[in-house]
Amino acid sequence: MAVDSTSALFVDPVMTAAGEPRALVKLTRLETLWFNTGTLCNIACGSCYIESSPENDRLEYLSLDDVAGYLNEIEVKGLGTTEVGFTGGEPFMNPDILAILRLTLNAGYSVLVLTNAMRPMMRPRIQAGLLDLKREFSGQLTLRVSIDHFDATQHEEKRGPGTRAPMRCFACWAAVLAAVENYACKTDNHSRASSLSIASAVSTEPLNA
């Protein structure tokens, strides 16, 4: 059967434009539910999968009501979800992020946040909120800090000049927060997660940032 227009390719969720049944994989379990918090980011990485930047607002900010609706849906459907992840953009630019994290943690899920650990995360309001969440939900919250290369020059080739030193400083604060369990390091488009040693005895007072 000839296809007259590409506009007809994805009209029917069950049948293809050629009249054949679409392949179907039935959802039986959703171990991790991922949310995109919005495309805005404080930096513009050349390798960003979604071209996030300080100007890219193609995806509006995820709202607290959005998250509440999906959390209710996975509970009602009994999908066995144990973890909820948040990525962006930079999640800590979302004005609702602390309320979103609290809602998700209160529901009993483990929470993973992918962050560049720079200025948006280090605002006093965000720092104080993260400390509160650590005290109330110890062990449930993980921050994964994105590092493009262990070498500063190669890291900044992708993230922009002057981006590595602030990230290192703020990532150390996050590690002291004892919420950072790992970081994601990408080298030549290959990613690996590595463990960070967390010193729980170190002070966790907010920085003046």
C-alpha atoms as a PDB file:
ATOM      1  CA  MET A   1       0.000   0.000   0.000  1.00  0.00           C
ATOM      2  CA  ALA A   2       1.483   3.334  -1.104  1.00  0.00           C
ATOM      3  CA  VAL A   3       1.810   6.103   1.473  1.00  0.00           C
ATOM      4  CA  ASP A   4       0.578   9.389  -0.009  1.00  0.00           C
ATOM      5  CA  SER A   5       1.772  11.735   2.719  1.00  0.00           C
ATOM      6  CA  THR A   6       4.194  11.614   5.636  1.00  0.00           C
ATOM      7  CA  SER A   7       1.543  13.435   7.657  1.00  0.00           C
ATOM      8  CA  ALA A   8      -0.371  10.156   7.855  1.00  0.00           C
ATOM      9  CA  LEU A   9       2.517   8.131   9.293  1.00  0.00           C
ATOM     10  CA  PHE A  10       1.610   8.515  12.960  1.00  0.00           C
ATOM     11  CA  VAL A  11      -2.117   9.222  12.911  1.00  0.00           C
ATOM     12  CA  ASP A  12      -3.320   5.815  14.114  1.00  0.00           C
ATOM     13  CA  PRO A  13      -1.757   4.487  17.350  1.00  0.00           C
ATOM     14  CA  VAL A  14      -2.647   0.885  16.456  1.00  0.00           C
ATOM     15  CA  MET A  15      -2.086   0.623  12.669  1.00  0.00           C
ATOM     16  CA  THR A  16       0.718   1.969  10.485  1.00  0.00           C
ATOM     17  CA  ALA A  17       0.059   4.102   7.401  1.00  0.00           C
ATOM     18  CA  ALA A  18       0.671   0.938   5.349  1.00  0.00           C
ATOM     19  CA  GLY A  19      -2.218  -0.793   7.134  1.00  0.00           C
ATOM     20  CA  GLU A  20      -0.021  -3.063   9.230  1.00  0.00           C
ATOM     21  CA  PRO A  21      -0.345  -3.509  13.010  1.00  0.00           C
ATOM     22  CA  ARG A  22       2.156  -1.510  15.020  1.00  0.00           C
ATOM     23  CA  ALA A  23       4.617  -3.299  17.296  1.00  0.00           C
ATOM     24  CA  LEU A  24       3.435  -3.172  20.893  1.00  0.00           C
ATOM     25  CA  VAL A  25       5.242  -3.734  24.175  1.00  0.00           C
ATOM     26  CA  LYS A  26       2.815  -3.877  27.066  1.00  0.00           C
ATOM     27  CA  LEU A  27       3.745  -1.825  30.115  1.00  0.00           C
ATOM     28  CA  THR A  28       3.784  -4.067  33.175  1.00  0.00           C
ATOM     29  CA  ARG A  29       6.137  -2.135  35.449  1.00  0.00           C
ATOM     30  CA  LEU A  30       7.617   1.376  35.590  1.00  0.00           C
ATOM     31  CA  GLU A  31      10.564   1.199  37.966  1.00  0.00           C
ATOM     32  CA  THR A  32      11.709   4.795  37.399  1.00  0.00           C
ATOM     33  CA  LEU A  33       9.521   7.723  36.330  1.00  0.00           C
ATOM     34  CA  TRP A  34      11.445  10.601  34.717  1.00  0.00           C
ATOM     35  CA  PHE A  35      10.332  14.230  34.567  1.00  0.00           C
ATOM     36  CA  ASN A  36      11.823  17.060  32.507  1.00  0.00           C
ATOM     37  CA  THR A  37      11.584  20.201  34.631  1.00  0.00           C
ATOM     38  CA  GLY A  38      11.885  22.577  31.652  1.00  0.00           C
ATOM     39  CA  THR A  39      14.479  23.459  29.002  1.00  0.00           C
ATOM     40  CA  LEU A  40      15.873  26.605  30.644  1.00  0.00           C
ATOM     41  CA  CYS A  41      19.422  26.237  31.957  1.00  0.00           C
ATOM     42  CA  ASN A  42      22.009  28.663  33.312  1.00  0.00           C
ATOM     43  CA  ILE A  43      24.577  27.471  30.742  1.00  0.00           C
ATOM     44  CA  ALA A  44      24.494  26.272  27.130  1.00  0.00           C
ATOM     45  CA  CYS A  45      26.461  23.044  26.633  1.00  0.00           C
ATOM     46  CA  GLY A  46      27.388  22.204  23.071  1.00  0.00           C
ATOM     47  CA  SER A  47      26.522  18.540  23.585  1.00  0.00           C
ATOM     48  CA  CYS A  48      23.186  19.066  25.361  1.00  0.00           C
ATOM     49  CA  TYR A  49      20.581  16.600  24.080  1.00  0.00           C
ATOM     50  CA  ILE A  50      17.790  19.168  24.298  1.00  0.00           C
ATOM     51  CA  GLU A  51      19.777  22.356  23.510  1.00  0.00           C
ATOM     52  CA  SER A  52      19.083  23.834  26.923  1.00  0.00           C
ATOM     53  CA  SER A  53      20.260  27.397  27.498  1.00  0.00           C
ATOM     54  CA  PRO A  54      19.325  30.602  29.356  1.00  0.00           C
ATOM     55  CA  GLU A  55      17.049  31.461  26.387  1.00  0.00           C
ATOM     56  CA  ASN A  56      15.543  28.094  25.449  1.00  0.00           C
ATOM     57  CA  ASP A  57      12.091  27.958  27.033  1.00  0.00           C
ATOM     58  CA  ARG A  58      10.503  25.602  24.506  1.00  0.00           C
ATOM     59  CA  LEU A  59       9.436  23.325  27.358  1.00  0.00           C
ATOM     60  CA  GLU A  60       7.705  25.357  30.032  1.00  0.00           C
ATOM     61  CA  TYR A  61       8.459  24.678  33.673  1.00  0.00           C
ATOM     62  CA  LEU A  62       7.033  21.497  35.150  1.00  0.00           C
ATOM     63  CA  SER A  63       4.452  22.422  37.788  1.00  0.00           C
ATOM     64  CA  LEU A  64       3.621  20.900  41.150  1.00  0.00           C
ATOM     65  CA  ASP A  65       0.159  19.983  39.833  1.00  0.00           C
ATOM     66  CA  ASP A  66       1.734  18.191  36.847  1.00  0.00           C
ATOM     67  CA  VAL A  67       3.821  16.011  39.130  1.00  0.00           C
ATOM     68  CA  ALA A  68       0.964  15.343  41.539  1.00  0.00           C
ATOM     69  CA  GLY A  69      -1.180  14.062  38.671  1.00  0.00           C
ATOM     70  CA  TYR A  70       1.429  11.615  37.420  1.00  0.00           C
ATOM     71  CA  LEU A  71       2.292  10.376  40.909  1.00  0.00           C
ATOM     72  CA  ASN A  72      -1.390   9.664  41.463  1.00  0.00           C
ATOM     73  CA  GLU A  73      -1.605   7.847  38.122  1.00  0.00           C
ATOM     74  CA  ILE A  74       1.305   5.489  38.805  1.00  0.00           C
ATOM     75  CA  GLU A  75      -0.134   4.750  42.250  1.00  0.00           C
ATOM     76  CA  VAL A  76      -3.622   4.027  40.919  1.00  0.00           C
ATOM     77  CA  LYS A  77      -2.245   1.792  38.146  1.00  0.00           C
ATOM     78  CA  GLY A  78       0.045  -0.067  40.545  1.00  0.00           C
ATOM     79  CA  LEU A  79       3.091   0.235  38.317  1.00  0.00           C
ATOM     80  CA  GLY A  80       5.567  -0.639  41.056  1.00  0.00           C
ATOM     81  CA  THR A  81       7.505   2.613  40.717  1.00  0.00           C
ATOM     82  CA  THR A  82      10.248   3.035  43.315  1.00  0.00           C
ATOM     83  CA  GLU A  83      12.260   5.964  41.948  1.00  0.00           C
ATOM     84  CA  VAL A  84      11.414   9.352  40.431  1.00  0.00           C
ATOM     85  CA  GLY A  85      14.066  11.273  38.464  1.00  0.00           C
ATOM     86  CA  PHE A  86      14.246  14.937  37.490  1.00  0.00           C
ATOM     87  CA  THR A  87      16.320  16.372  34.659  1.00  0.00           C
ATOM     88  CA  GLY A  88      16.222  19.485  32.497  1.00  0.00           C
ATOM     89  CA  GLY A  89      17.432  22.024  31.592  1.00  0.00           C
ATOM     90  CA  GLU A  90      18.680  22.728  35.072  1.00  0.00           C
ATOM     91  CA  PRO A  91      16.095  21.448  37.574  1.00  0.00           C
ATOM     92  CA  PHE A  92      17.033  24.006  40.235  1.00  0.00           C
ATOM     93  CA  MET A  93      15.942  26.854  37.940  1.00  0.00           C
ATOM     94  CA  ASN A  94      12.349  25.599  38.229  1.00  0.00           C
ATOM     95  CA  PRO A  95      10.608  27.803  40.836  1.00  0.00           C
ATOM     96  CA  ASP A  96       8.564  24.829  42.097  1.00  0.00           C
ATOM     97  CA  ILE A  97      11.486  22.406  42.451  1.00  0.00           C
ATOM     98  CA  LEU A  98      11.630  22.286  46.255  1.00  0.00           C
ATOM     99  CA  ALA A  99       7.874  21.757  46.531  1.00  0.00           C
ATOM    100  CA  ILE A 100       8.065  19.100  43.789  1.00  0.00           C
ATOM    101  CA  LEU A 101      10.872  17.256  45.586  1.00  0.00           C
ATOM    102  CA  ARG A 102       9.017  17.396  48.898  1.00  0.00           C
ATOM    103  CA  LEU A 103       5.812  16.053  47.326  1.00  0.00           C
ATOM    104  CA  THR A 104       7.673  13.171  45.706  1.00  0.00           C
ATOM    105  CA  LEU A 105       9.673  12.309  48.813  1.00  0.00           C
ATOM    106  CA  ASN A 106       6.549  12.468  50.973  1.00  0.00           C
ATOM    107  CA  ALA A 107       4.978   9.901  48.651  1.00  0.00           C
ATOM    108  CA  GLY A 108       7.779   7.495  49.612  1.00  0.00           C
ATOM    109  CA  TYR A 109       9.813   7.479  46.385  1.00  0.00           C
ATOM    110  CA  SER A 110      13.570   7.622  46.068  1.00  0.00           C
ATOM    111  CA  VAL A 111      14.393  10.824  44.206  1.00  0.00           C
ATOM    112  CA  LEU A 112      17.248  11.441  41.765  1.00  0.00           C
ATOM    113  CA  VAL A 113      18.048  14.967  40.504  1.00  0.00           C
ATOM    114  CA  LEU A 114      20.473  15.566  37.625  1.00  0.00           C
ATOM    115  CA  THR A 115      22.153  18.951  38.124  1.00  0.00           C
ATOM    116  CA  ASN A 116      25.184  20.944  36.987  1.00  0.00           C
ATOM    117  CA  ALA A 117      25.666  21.986  40.651  1.00  0.00           C
ATOM    118  CA  MET A 118      26.156  25.626  39.755  1.00  0.00           C
ATOM    119  CA  ARG A 119      24.566  28.924  40.774  1.00  0.00           C
ATOM    120  CA  PRO A 120      20.858  27.902  40.540  1.00  0.00           C
ATOM    121  CA  MET A 121      21.444  25.155  43.115  1.00  0.00           C
ATOM    122  CA  MET A 122      23.494  27.432  45.356  1.00  0.00           C
ATOM    123  CA  ARG A 123      20.950  30.200  45.967  1.00  0.00           C
ATOM    124  CA  PRO A 124      20.300  30.520  49.720  1.00  0.00           C
ATOM    125  CA  ARG A 125      16.634  29.494  49.359  1.00  0.00           C
ATOM    126  CA  ILE A 126      17.573  26.334  47.490  1.00  0.00           C
ATOM    127  CA  GLN A 127      20.418  25.495  49.876  1.00  0.00           C
ATOM    128  CA  ALA A 128      18.168  25.888  52.904  1.00  0.00           C
ATOM    129  CA  GLY A 129      15.451  23.812  51.251  1.00  0.00           C
ATOM    130  CA  LEU A 130      17.866  20.999  50.405  1.00  0.00           C
ATOM    131  CA  LEU A 131      19.146  20.939  53.973  1.00  0.00           C
ATOM    132  CA  ASP A 132      15.557  20.662  55.219  1.00  0.00           C
ATOM    133  CA  LEU A 133      14.882  17.791  52.824  1.00  0.00           C
ATOM    134  CA  LYS A 134      18.068  16.017  53.933  1.00  0.00           C
ATOM    135  CA  ARG A 135      17.001  16.245  57.561  1.00  0.00           C
ATOM    136  CA  GLU A 136      13.478  14.994  56.861  1.00  0.00           C
ATOM    137  CA  PHE A 137      14.174  12.369  54.177  1.00  0.00           C
ATOM    138  CA  SER A 138      17.658  11.085  54.885  1.00  0.00           C
ATOM    139  CA  GLY A 139      18.728   8.504  52.336  1.00  0.00           C
ATOM    140  CA  GLN A 140      15.895   9.152  49.859  1.00  0.00           C
ATOM    141  CA  LEU A 141      17.380  12.063  47.895  1.00  0.00           C
ATOM    142  CA  THR A 142      20.299  11.763  45.457  1.00  0.00           C
ATOM    143  CA  LEU A 143      21.899  14.582  43.470  1.00  0.00           C
ATOM    144  CA  ARG A 144      23.864  13.494  40.409  1.00  0.00           C
ATOM    145  CA  VAL A 145      26.348  16.148  39.306  1.00  0.00           C
ATOM    146  CA  SER A 146      27.194  16.280  35.590  1.00  0.00           C
ATOM    147  CA  ILE A 147      30.901  16.577  34.747  1.00  0.00           C
ATOM    148  CA  ASP A 148      31.905  16.443  31.089  1.00  0.00           C
ATOM    149  CA  HIS A 149      35.573  15.678  31.692  1.00  0.00           C
ATOM    150  CA  PHE A 150      38.027  15.377  34.565  1.00  0.00           C
ATOM    151  CA  ASP A 151      40.308  17.773  32.669  1.00  0.00           C
ATOM    152  CA  ALA A 152      39.224  21.410  33.113  1.00  0.00           C
ATOM    153  CA  THR A 153      40.034  22.424  29.543  1.00  0.00           C
ATOM    154  CA  GLN A 154      38.064  19.603  27.981  1.00  0.00           C
ATOM    155  CA  HIS A 155      35.189  20.097  30.438  1.00  0.00           C
ATOM    156  CA  GLU A 156      34.918  23.771  29.476  1.00  0.00           C
ATOM    157  CA  GLU A 157      35.093  22.993  25.756  1.00  0.00           C
ATOM    158  CA  LYS A 158      31.587  21.580  26.169  1.00  0.00           C
ATOM    159  CA  ARG A 159      30.212  23.657  29.063  1.00  0.00           C
ATOM    160  CA  GLY A 160      31.774  27.041  28.364  1.00  0.00           C
ATOM    161  CA  PRO A 161      34.632  29.091  29.838  1.00  0.00           C
ATOM    162  CA  GLY A 162      34.745  29.426  33.611  1.00  0.00           C
ATOM    163  CA  THR A 163      32.233  26.646  34.311  1.00  0.00           C
ATOM    164  CA  ARG A 164      34.422  24.048  36.049  1.00  0.00           C
ATOM    165  CA  ALA A 165      35.640  25.929  39.132  1.00  0.00           C
ATOM    166  CA  PRO A 166      32.133  26.917  40.350  1.00  0.00           C
ATOM    167  CA  MET A 167      30.874  23.394  39.663  1.00  0.00           C
ATOM    168  CA  ARG A 168      33.676  21.890  41.776  1.00  0.00           C
ATOM    169  CA  CYS A 169      32.999  24.287  44.645  1.00  0.00           C
ATOM    170  CA  PHE A 170      29.253  23.729  44.636  1.00  0.00           C
ATOM    171  CA  ALA A 171      29.584  19.971  44.109  1.00  0.00           C
ATOM    172  CA  CYS A 172      31.705  19.849  47.260  1.00  0.00           C
ATOM    173  CA  TRP A 173      28.907  21.585  49.173  1.00  0.00           C
ATOM    174  CA  ALA A 174      26.433  19.084  47.765  1.00  0.00           C
ATOM    175  CA  ALA A 175      28.712  16.240  48.832  1.00  0.00           C
ATOM    176  CA  VAL A 176      28.871  17.655  52.334  1.00  0.00           C
ATOM    177  CA  LEU A 177      25.075  17.755  52.196  1.00  0.00           C
ATOM    178  CA  ALA A 178      25.447  13.976  51.914  1.00  0.00           C
ATOM    179  CA  ALA A 179      22.857  13.850  49.155  1.00  0.00           C
ATOM    180  CA  VAL A 180      25.370  13.360  46.352  1.00  0.00           C
ATOM    181  CA  GLU A 181      25.944   9.653  45.913  1.00  0.00           C
ATOM    182  CA  ASN A 182      27.534   9.784  42.499  1.00  0.00           C
ATOM    183  CA  TYR A 183      28.460  11.989  39.615  1.00  0.00           C
ATOM    184  CA  ALA A 184      28.080  11.450  35.901  1.00  0.00           C
ATOM    185  CA  CYS A 185      31.305  11.898  33.954  1.00  0.00           C
ATOM    186  CA  LYS A 186      31.163  11.896  30.164  1.00  0.00           C
ATOM    187  CA  THR A 187      34.292  11.349  28.098  1.00  0.00           C
ATOM    188  CA  ASP A 188      34.000  11.191  24.299  1.00  0.00           C
ATOM    189  CA  ASN A 189      30.236  10.624  24.550  1.00  0.00           C
ATOM    190  CA  HIS A 190      30.612   7.712  26.983  1.00  0.00           C
ATOM    191  CA  SER A 191      29.108   8.129  30.429  1.00  0.00           C
ATOM    192  CA  ARG A 192      30.037   6.482  33.657  1.00  0.00           C
ATOM    193  CA  ALA A 193      28.779   6.919  37.203  1.00  0.00           C
ATOM    194  CA  SER A 194      31.404   6.994  39.914  1.00  0.00           C
ATOM    195  CA  SER A 195      31.076   6.882  43.675  1.00  0.00           C
ATOM    196  CA  LEU A 196      31.836   9.895  45.853  1.00  0.00           C
ATOM    197  CA  SER A 197      32.966   9.415  49.418  1.00  0.00           C
ATOM    198  CA  ILE A 198      30.632  11.362  51.697  1.00  0.00           C
ATOM    199  CA  ALA A 199      31.957  12.735  54.987  1.00  0.00           C
ATOM    200  CA  SER A 200      28.828  12.897  57.115  1.00  0.00           C
ATOM    201  CA  ALA A 201      30.603  14.532  60.043  1.00  0.00           C
ATOM    202  CA  VAL A 202      31.364  17.738  58.136  1.00  0.00           C
ATOM    203  CA  SER A 203      29.191  20.803  58.796  1.00  0.00           C
ATOM    204  CA  THR A 204      26.212  21.245  56.485  1.00  0.00           C
ATOM    205  CA  GLU A 205      25.503  24.946  57.042  1.00  0.00           C
ATOM    206  CA  PRO A 206      24.410  26.860  53.902  1.00  0.00           C
ATOM    207  CA  LEU A 207      27.045  28.812  52.031  1.00  0.00           C
ATOM    208  CA  ASN A 208      26.589  32.540  51.560  1.00  0.00           C
ATOM    209  CA  ALA A 209      25.943  32.346  47.825  1.00  0.00           C
END
